[in-house]
Amino acid sequence: MMEDSKSEKINNRGGGIQPGDQGFSLDTLELKDYVQFRYPFLLIDRVTKVIPGKSAKGYKFFSNNDWFFSGHFPDAPMVPGALQFEAIGQMLCVALNTLPGMAGTIPKLLSFDVKCRKPVLPGDRFDIEVKILFWRDGICKGKGVGYVDGETVCEATVLHAVTELME
């Protein structure tokens, strides 16, 4: 029953894959319907635009108070590259899980290729854009880019599997 209301929410917001679709946004509470991550590992603050099965955009504000800065590194804090990649992977999950019937699934990571170009610092807004390149038989390949002030800081190609669809 919960699944039906989520699918209905997508349809009411104009979700689904249609030519010229403008997509929709998700605030922090709505986002939790589509990803299983929670604090401290939910690395998206807001989804500004998602076109289910195609793409998603959003951001994460990194505060000086974030849990990892005290140890990475005490005298020169920066966001670990692994967390930048994780944020991109989570946004890819949003693009996938907003498809009708997909809400609540947990895509499993199969492989990734990441390039970190510049440090992300406390106080930075980490903008994330992802695009699904391939989606079939439970396998999803996507590409994502992280930006700070319009400058590319991280890029990743990710391969996920939704095992429930593979059985």
C-alpha atoms as a PDB file:
ATOM      1  CA  MET A   1       0.000   0.000   0.000  1.00  0.00           C
ATOM      2  CA  MET A   2       2.853   2.382   0.825  1.00  0.00           C
ATOM      3  CA  GLU A   3       4.385   1.579  -2.572  1.00  0.00           C
ATOM      4  CA  ASP A   4       1.163   2.673  -4.322  1.00  0.00           C
ATOM      5  CA  SER A   5       1.196   6.048  -2.597  1.00  0.00           C
ATOM      6  CA  LYS A   6       4.822   6.582  -3.615  1.00  0.00           C
ATOM      7  CA  SER A   7       4.059   5.713  -7.230  1.00  0.00           C
ATOM      8  CA  GLU A   8       1.013   7.967  -7.059  1.00  0.00           C
ATOM      9  CA  LYS A   9       3.195  10.770  -5.697  1.00  0.00           C
ATOM     10  CA  ILE A  10       5.536  10.384  -8.660  1.00  0.00           C
ATOM     11  CA  ASN A  11       2.638  10.427 -11.108  1.00  0.00           C
ATOM     12  CA  ASN A  12       1.035  13.430  -9.416  1.00  0.00           C
ATOM     13  CA  ARG A  13       4.299  15.352  -9.642  1.00  0.00           C
ATOM     14  CA  GLY A  14       4.692  14.617 -13.342  1.00  0.00           C
ATOM     15  CA  GLY A  15       7.230  11.822 -12.840  1.00  0.00           C
ATOM     16  CA  GLY A  16       7.787   9.048 -15.329  1.00  0.00           C
ATOM     17  CA  ILE A  17       9.764   9.178 -18.531  1.00  0.00           C
ATOM     18  CA  GLN A  18       8.124  11.473 -21.040  1.00  0.00           C
ATOM     19  CA  PRO A  19       9.656  13.629 -23.777  1.00  0.00           C
ATOM     20  CA  GLY A  20      10.134  17.195 -22.584  1.00  0.00           C
ATOM     21  CA  ASP A  21       9.450  16.273 -18.944  1.00  0.00           C
ATOM     22  CA  GLN A  22      10.515  19.098 -16.614  1.00  0.00           C
ATOM     23  CA  GLY A  23      10.955  16.799 -13.614  1.00  0.00           C
ATOM     24  CA  PHE A  24      10.277  17.663  -9.969  1.00  0.00           C
ATOM     25  CA  SER A  25      12.164  18.448  -6.770  1.00  0.00           C
ATOM     26  CA  LEU A  26      12.403  16.675  -3.407  1.00  0.00           C
ATOM     27  CA  ASP A  27      12.964  18.284  -0.039  1.00  0.00           C
ATOM     28  CA  THR A  28      14.773  16.505   2.791  1.00  0.00           C
ATOM     29  CA  LEU A  29      11.672  14.699   4.066  1.00  0.00           C
ATOM     30  CA  GLU A  30      10.471  13.617   0.600  1.00  0.00           C
ATOM     31  CA  LEU A  31      13.969  12.407  -0.252  1.00  0.00           C
ATOM     32  CA  LYS A  32      13.738   9.780   2.502  1.00  0.00           C
ATOM     33  CA  ASP A  33      10.949   8.053   0.538  1.00  0.00           C
ATOM     34  CA  TYR A  34      13.419   7.232  -2.229  1.00  0.00           C
ATOM     35  CA  VAL A  35      16.746   6.495  -0.538  1.00  0.00           C
ATOM     36  CA  GLN A  36      17.459   4.319   2.463  1.00  0.00           C
ATOM     37  CA  PHE A  37      20.379   6.408   3.751  1.00  0.00           C
ATOM     38  CA  ARG A  38      20.044   8.325   7.027  1.00  0.00           C
ATOM     39  CA  TYR A  39      22.278  10.587   9.112  1.00  0.00           C
ATOM     40  CA  PRO A  40      25.234  10.553   9.164  1.00  0.00           C
ATOM     41  CA  PHE A  41      25.377   8.889   5.723  1.00  0.00           C
ATOM     42  CA  LEU A  42      22.612  10.746   3.898  1.00  0.00           C
ATOM     43  CA  LEU A  43      24.811  12.998   1.761  1.00  0.00           C
ATOM     44  CA  ILE A  44      22.096  14.921  -0.086  1.00  0.00           C
ATOM     45  CA  ASP A  45      20.335  17.921   1.419  1.00  0.00           C
ATOM     46  CA  ARG A  46      17.963  18.619  -1.464  1.00  0.00           C
ATOM     47  CA  VAL A  47      17.107  17.321  -4.911  1.00  0.00           C
ATOM     48  CA  THR A  48      16.423  20.342  -7.114  1.00  0.00           C
ATOM     49  CA  LYS A  49      15.352  18.358 -10.171  1.00  0.00           C
ATOM     50  CA  VAL A  50      14.822  14.700 -10.909  1.00  0.00           C
ATOM     51  CA  ILE A  51      13.580  13.139 -14.114  1.00  0.00           C
ATOM     52  CA  PRO A  52      12.920   9.528 -13.076  1.00  0.00           C
ATOM     53  CA  GLY A  53      15.082   7.021 -14.906  1.00  0.00           C
ATOM     54  CA  LYS A  54      17.072   9.762 -16.617  1.00  0.00           C
ATOM     55  CA  SER A  55      18.789  12.306 -14.356  1.00  0.00           C
ATOM     56  CA  ALA A  56      18.901  14.076 -11.014  1.00  0.00           C
ATOM     57  CA  LYS A  57      20.438  17.277  -9.632  1.00  0.00           C
ATOM     58  CA  GLY A  58      20.817  18.492  -6.102  1.00  0.00           C
ATOM     59  CA  TYR A  59      23.287  19.525  -3.447  1.00  0.00           C
ATOM     60  CA  LYS A  60      24.873  18.928  -0.071  1.00  0.00           C
ATOM     61  CA  PHE A  61      26.091  21.752   2.165  1.00  0.00           C
ATOM     62  CA  PHE A  62      29.202  20.755   4.086  1.00  0.00           C
ATOM     63  CA  SER A  63      29.340  22.478   7.456  1.00  0.00           C
ATOM     64  CA  ASN A  64      32.356  22.946   9.677  1.00  0.00           C
ATOM     65  CA  ASN A  65      30.395  20.832  12.178  1.00  0.00           C
ATOM     66  CA  ASP A  66      30.225  17.717   9.960  1.00  0.00           C
ATOM     67  CA  TRP A  67      31.385  14.610  11.826  1.00  0.00           C
ATOM     68  CA  PHE A  68      34.386  13.764   9.621  1.00  0.00           C
ATOM     69  CA  PHE A  69      36.191  17.129   9.604  1.00  0.00           C
ATOM     70  CA  SER A  70      37.722  16.668  13.056  1.00  0.00           C
ATOM     71  CA  GLY A  71      39.746  13.720  11.779  1.00  0.00           C
ATOM     72  CA  HIS A  72      40.083  14.552   8.055  1.00  0.00           C
ATOM     73  CA  PHE A  73      42.228  16.567   8.693  1.00  0.00           C
ATOM     74  CA  PRO A  74      42.376  18.487  12.002  1.00  0.00           C
ATOM     75  CA  ASP A  75      44.571  21.331  10.697  1.00  0.00           C
ATOM     76  CA  ALA A  76      43.302  21.336   7.098  1.00  0.00           C
ATOM     77  CA  PRO A  77      39.733  19.929   6.997  1.00  0.00           C
ATOM     78  CA  MET A  78      38.388  18.666   3.674  1.00  0.00           C
ATOM     79  CA  VAL A  79      35.598  16.354   2.555  1.00  0.00           C
ATOM     80  CA  PRO A  80      36.949  12.825   1.977  1.00  0.00           C
ATOM     81  CA  GLY A  81      36.837  11.806  -1.687  1.00  0.00           C
ATOM     82  CA  ALA A  82      34.948   8.659  -0.694  1.00  0.00           C
ATOM     83  CA  LEU A  83      32.095  10.814   0.669  1.00  0.00           C
ATOM     84  CA  GLN A  84      32.026  12.909  -2.504  1.00  0.00           C
ATOM     85  CA  PHE A  85      31.687   9.696  -4.498  1.00  0.00           C
ATOM     86  CA  GLU A  86      29.036   8.415  -2.065  1.00  0.00           C
ATOM     87  CA  ALA A  87      26.972  11.591  -2.582  1.00  0.00           C
ATOM     88  CA  ILE A  88      27.109  11.045  -6.357  1.00  0.00           C
ATOM     89  CA  GLY A  89      26.080   7.403  -5.891  1.00  0.00           C
ATOM     90  CA  GLN A  90      23.162   8.442  -3.679  1.00  0.00           C
ATOM     91  CA  MET A  91      21.964  10.935  -6.275  1.00  0.00           C
ATOM     92  CA  LEU A  92      22.078   8.164  -8.885  1.00  0.00           C
ATOM     93  CA  CYS A  93      19.856   6.122  -6.540  1.00  0.00           C
ATOM     94  CA  VAL A  94      17.389   9.041  -6.535  1.00  0.00           C
ATOM     95  CA  ALA A  95      17.268   9.065 -10.356  1.00  0.00           C
ATOM     96  CA  LEU A  96      16.616   5.321 -10.296  1.00  0.00           C
ATOM     97  CA  ASN A  97      14.339   4.995  -7.255  1.00  0.00           C
ATOM     98  CA  THR A  98      11.900   7.686  -8.406  1.00  0.00           C
ATOM     99  CA  LEU A  99      10.824   5.377 -11.234  1.00  0.00           C
ATOM    100  CA  PRO A 100       7.369   3.901 -10.514  1.00  0.00           C
ATOM    101  CA  GLY A 101       7.684   0.768  -8.391  1.00  0.00           C
ATOM    102  CA  MET A 102      11.330   1.404  -7.473  1.00  0.00           C
ATOM    103  CA  ALA A 103      10.915   3.455  -4.279  1.00  0.00           C
ATOM    104  CA  GLY A 104      12.608   1.766  -1.344  1.00  0.00           C
ATOM    105  CA  THR A 105      14.912  -0.482  -3.363  1.00  0.00           C
ATOM    106  CA  ILE A 106      18.562  -0.524  -2.388  1.00  0.00           C
ATOM    107  CA  PRO A 107      20.813  -0.589  -5.457  1.00  0.00           C
ATOM    108  CA  LYS A 108      24.032  -2.483  -4.733  1.00  0.00           C
ATOM    109  CA  LEU A 109      27.347  -1.053  -5.885  1.00  0.00           C
ATOM    110  CA  LEU A 110      29.078  -3.204  -8.507  1.00  0.00           C
ATOM    111  CA  SER A 111      31.883  -0.914  -9.640  1.00  0.00           C
ATOM    112  CA  PHE A 112      32.974   2.691  -9.827  1.00  0.00           C
ATOM    113  CA  ASP A 113      35.584   4.914 -11.411  1.00  0.00           C
ATOM    114  CA  VAL A 114      36.201   8.194  -9.578  1.00  0.00           C
ATOM    115  CA  LYS A 115      38.365  11.209 -10.222  1.00  0.00           C
ATOM    116  CA  CYS A 116      38.720  13.840  -7.505  1.00  0.00           C
ATOM    117  CA  ARG A 117      40.053  17.082  -8.962  1.00  0.00           C
ATOM    118  CA  LYS A 118      40.005  19.638  -6.134  1.00  0.00           C
ATOM    119  CA  PRO A 119      39.325  19.624  -2.397  1.00  0.00           C
ATOM    120  CA  VAL A 120      35.855  20.286  -1.016  1.00  0.00           C
ATOM    121  CA  LEU A 121      36.099  22.382   2.144  1.00  0.00           C
ATOM    122  CA  PRO A 122      33.896  23.200   5.123  1.00  0.00           C
ATOM    123  CA  GLY A 123      31.279  25.741   4.080  1.00  0.00           C
ATOM    124  CA  ASP A 124      31.194  24.553   0.451  1.00  0.00           C
ATOM    125  CA  ARG A 125      27.980  23.701  -1.345  1.00  0.00           C
ATOM    126  CA  PHE A 126      28.624  20.471  -3.247  1.00  0.00           C
ATOM    127  CA  ASP A 127      26.338  20.495  -6.298  1.00  0.00           C
ATOM    128  CA  ILE A 128      25.674  17.076  -7.793  1.00  0.00           C
ATOM    129  CA  GLU A 129      24.431  16.152 -11.270  1.00  0.00           C
ATOM    130  CA  VAL A 130      23.894  12.579 -12.425  1.00  0.00           C
ATOM    131  CA  LYS A 131      22.678  10.978 -15.607  1.00  0.00           C
ATOM    132  CA  ILE A 132      21.617   7.368 -16.135  1.00  0.00           C
ATOM    133  CA  LEU A 133      23.500   6.037 -19.148  1.00  0.00           C
ATOM    134  CA  PHE A 134      22.100   2.499 -19.128  1.00  0.00           C
ATOM    135  CA  TRP A 135      19.237   0.765 -17.284  1.00  0.00           C
ATOM    136  CA  ARG A 136      18.129  -2.782 -18.080  1.00  0.00           C
ATOM    137  CA  ASP A 137      17.513  -6.100 -16.301  1.00  0.00           C
ATOM    138  CA  GLY A 138      18.347  -4.642 -12.887  1.00  0.00           C
ATOM    139  CA  ILE A 139      21.673  -3.112 -13.953  1.00  0.00           C
ATOM    140  CA  CYS A 140      22.170   0.654 -13.927  1.00  0.00           C
ATOM    141  CA  LYS A 141      25.191   2.553 -15.195  1.00  0.00           C
ATOM    142  CA  GLY A 142      25.393   6.252 -14.467  1.00  0.00           C
ATOM    143  CA  LYS A 143      27.747   9.184 -14.610  1.00  0.00           C
ATOM    144  CA  GLY A 144      27.913  11.930 -12.026  1.00  0.00           C
ATOM    145  CA  VAL A 145      29.775  15.171 -11.491  1.00  0.00           C
ATOM    146  CA  GLY A 146      30.281  17.181  -8.307  1.00  0.00           C
ATOM    147  CA  TYR A 147      30.788  20.947  -8.488  1.00  0.00           C
ATOM    148  CA  VAL A 148      31.738  23.716  -6.076  1.00  0.00           C
ATOM    149  CA  ASP A 149      31.046  27.251  -7.304  1.00  0.00           C
ATOM    150  CA  GLY A 150      30.495  25.885 -10.827  1.00  0.00           C
ATOM    151  CA  GLU A 151      33.899  24.198 -10.949  1.00  0.00           C
ATOM    152  CA  THR A 152      34.206  20.405 -11.322  1.00  0.00           C
ATOM    153  CA  VAL A 153      35.708  18.854  -8.191  1.00  0.00           C
ATOM    154  CA  CYS A 154      34.731  15.185  -8.575  1.00  0.00           C
ATOM    155  CA  GLU A 155      33.548  12.873 -11.384  1.00  0.00           C
ATOM    156  CA  ALA A 156      32.347   9.287 -11.128  1.00  0.00           C
ATOM    157  CA  THR A 157      31.015   6.508 -13.312  1.00  0.00           C
ATOM    158  CA  VAL A 158      28.989   4.062 -11.236  1.00  0.00           C
ATOM    159  CA  LEU A 159      27.509   0.626 -11.897  1.00  0.00           C
ATOM    160  CA  HIS A 160      24.645  -0.453  -9.607  1.00  0.00           C
ATOM    161  CA  ALA A 161      22.571  -3.632  -9.481  1.00  0.00           C
ATOM    162  CA  VAL A 162      19.017  -3.886  -8.190  1.00  0.00           C
ATOM    163  CA  THR A 163      19.141  -7.546  -7.197  1.00  0.00           C
ATOM    164  CA  GLU A 164      15.378  -7.770  -6.603  1.00  0.00           C
ATOM    165  CA  LEU A 165      14.892  -7.256 -10.339  1.00  0.00           C
ATOM    166  CA  MET A 166      17.566  -9.744 -11.318  1.00  0.00           C
ATOM    167  CA  GLU A 167      15.953 -12.777  -9.641  1.00  0.00           C
END
